[in-house]
């Protein structure tokens, strides 16, 4: 939620800002309530993904040597 300079100091701006804050808060609460509970992952017992395997493998420098 952002507020502009015009939102502060003037009665009309402050009222509109309050309305926007209330709407943003209710939208956020509605979205949070719509989220489902997820099962926690145990990353230590899962098999690594292909990308994780690629990132963990030693790299060749091009001259036949392997860098760690």
C-alpha atoms as a PDB file:
ATOM      1  CA  UNK A   1       0.000   0.000   0.000  1.00  0.00           C
ATOM      2  CA  UNK A   2       1.502   3.288  -1.077  1.00  0.00           C
ATOM      3  CA  UNK A   3       0.417   6.798  -0.194  1.00  0.00           C
ATOM      4  CA  UNK A   4       1.083   9.971  -2.154  1.00  0.00           C
ATOM      5  CA  UNK A   5       2.029  13.339  -0.670  1.00  0.00           C
ATOM      6  CA  UNK A   6      -1.514  14.559  -1.367  1.00  0.00           C
ATOM      7  CA  UNK A   7      -2.886  11.839   0.940  1.00  0.00           C
ATOM      8  CA  UNK A   8      -1.455  13.556   4.013  1.00  0.00           C
ATOM      9  CA  UNK A   9      -2.674  16.730   5.617  1.00  0.00           C
ATOM     10  CA  UNK A  10      -5.929  17.256   3.733  1.00  0.00           C
ATOM     11  CA  UNK A  11      -9.147  15.902   5.246  1.00  0.00           C
ATOM     12  CA  UNK A  12     -10.357  14.481   1.924  1.00  0.00           C
ATOM     13  CA  UNK A  13      -6.991  12.852   1.166  1.00  0.00           C
ATOM     14  CA  UNK A  14      -6.789  11.292   4.607  1.00  0.00           C
ATOM     15  CA  UNK A  15     -10.288   9.833   4.300  1.00  0.00           C
ATOM     16  CA  UNK A  16      -9.524   8.335   0.882  1.00  0.00           C
ATOM     17  CA  UNK A  17      -6.257   6.932   2.211  1.00  0.00           C
ATOM     18  CA  UNK A  18      -8.125   5.293   5.100  1.00  0.00           C
ATOM     19  CA  UNK A  19     -10.577   3.706   2.656  1.00  0.00           C
ATOM     20  CA  UNK A  20      -7.718   2.375   0.501  1.00  0.00           C
ATOM     21  CA  UNK A  21      -5.916   0.990   3.567  1.00  0.00           C
ATOM     22  CA  UNK A  22      -9.079  -0.776   4.749  1.00  0.00           C
ATOM     23  CA  UNK A  23      -9.663  -2.254   1.279  1.00  0.00           C
ATOM     24  CA  UNK A  24      -6.027  -3.402   0.981  1.00  0.00           C
ATOM     25  CA  UNK A  25      -6.171  -5.027   4.424  1.00  0.00           C
ATOM     26  CA  UNK A  26      -9.403  -6.878   3.674  1.00  0.00           C
ATOM     27  CA  UNK A  27      -8.063  -8.022   0.274  1.00  0.00           C
ATOM     28  CA  UNK A  28      -4.902  -9.316   1.960  1.00  0.00           C
ATOM     29  CA  UNK A  29      -6.872 -11.125   4.667  1.00  0.00           C
ATOM     30  CA  UNK A  30      -9.124 -12.725   2.038  1.00  0.00           C
ATOM     31  CA  UNK A  31      -6.117 -13.947   0.055  1.00  0.00           C
ATOM     32  CA  UNK A  32      -4.436 -15.356   3.143  1.00  0.00           C
ATOM     33  CA  UNK A  33      -7.587 -17.242   4.111  1.00  0.00           C
ATOM     34  CA  UNK A  34      -7.808 -18.673   0.581  1.00  0.00           C
ATOM     35  CA  UNK A  35      -4.310 -20.169   0.835  1.00  0.00           C
ATOM     36  CA  UNK A  36      -4.262 -23.865   1.536  1.00  0.00           C
ATOM     37  CA  UNK A  37      -2.050 -25.484   4.056  1.00  0.00           C
ATOM     38  CA  UNK A  38       0.910 -27.170   2.426  1.00  0.00           C
ATOM     39  CA  UNK A  39       2.734 -30.221   3.608  1.00  0.00           C
ATOM     40  CA  UNK A  40       6.235 -29.404   4.762  1.00  0.00           C
ATOM     41  CA  UNK A  41       8.987 -30.729   2.555  1.00  0.00           C
ATOM     42  CA  UNK A  42      11.938 -32.611   3.966  1.00  0.00           C
ATOM     43  CA  UNK A  43      14.675 -31.509   1.583  1.00  0.00           C
ATOM     44  CA  UNK A  44      17.188 -33.826   3.241  1.00  0.00           C
ATOM     45  CA  UNK A  45      15.310 -36.998   2.283  1.00  0.00           C
ATOM     46  CA  UNK A  46      14.233 -35.957  -1.233  1.00  0.00           C
ATOM     47  CA  UNK A  47      16.143 -36.921  -4.331  1.00  0.00           C
ATOM     48  CA  UNK A  48      17.978 -33.952  -5.833  1.00  0.00           C
ATOM     49  CA  UNK A  49      16.465 -32.352  -8.936  1.00  0.00           C
ATOM     50  CA  UNK A  50      18.283 -32.370 -12.261  1.00  0.00           C
ATOM     51  CA  UNK A  51      19.302 -28.736 -11.738  1.00  0.00           C
ATOM     52  CA  UNK A  52      20.694 -29.509  -8.271  1.00  0.00           C
ATOM     53  CA  UNK A  53      22.708 -32.394  -9.730  1.00  0.00           C
ATOM     54  CA  UNK A  54      24.087 -30.127 -12.468  1.00  0.00           C
ATOM     55  CA  UNK A  55      25.042 -27.455  -9.962  1.00  0.00           C
ATOM     56  CA  UNK A  56      26.755 -29.987  -7.685  1.00  0.00           C
ATOM     57  CA  UNK A  57      28.823 -31.658 -10.424  1.00  0.00           C
ATOM     58  CA  UNK A  58      32.457 -30.631 -10.928  1.00  0.00           C
ATOM     59  CA  UNK A  59      33.084 -28.324 -13.903  1.00  0.00           C
ATOM     60  CA  UNK A  60      35.605 -28.887 -16.662  1.00  0.00           C
ATOM     61  CA  UNK A  61      37.875 -25.925 -17.432  1.00  0.00           C
ATOM     62  CA  UNK A  62      38.188 -26.854 -21.132  1.00  0.00           C
ATOM     63  CA  UNK A  63      41.836 -27.956 -20.926  1.00  0.00           C
ATOM     64  CA  UNK A  64      41.029 -31.381 -19.524  1.00  0.00           C
ATOM     65  CA  UNK A  65      41.311 -30.438 -15.856  1.00  0.00           C
ATOM     66  CA  UNK A  66      38.355 -30.482 -13.494  1.00  0.00           C
ATOM     67  CA  UNK A  67      37.619 -27.524 -11.225  1.00  0.00           C
ATOM     68  CA  UNK A  68      35.971 -27.948  -7.836  1.00  0.00           C
END
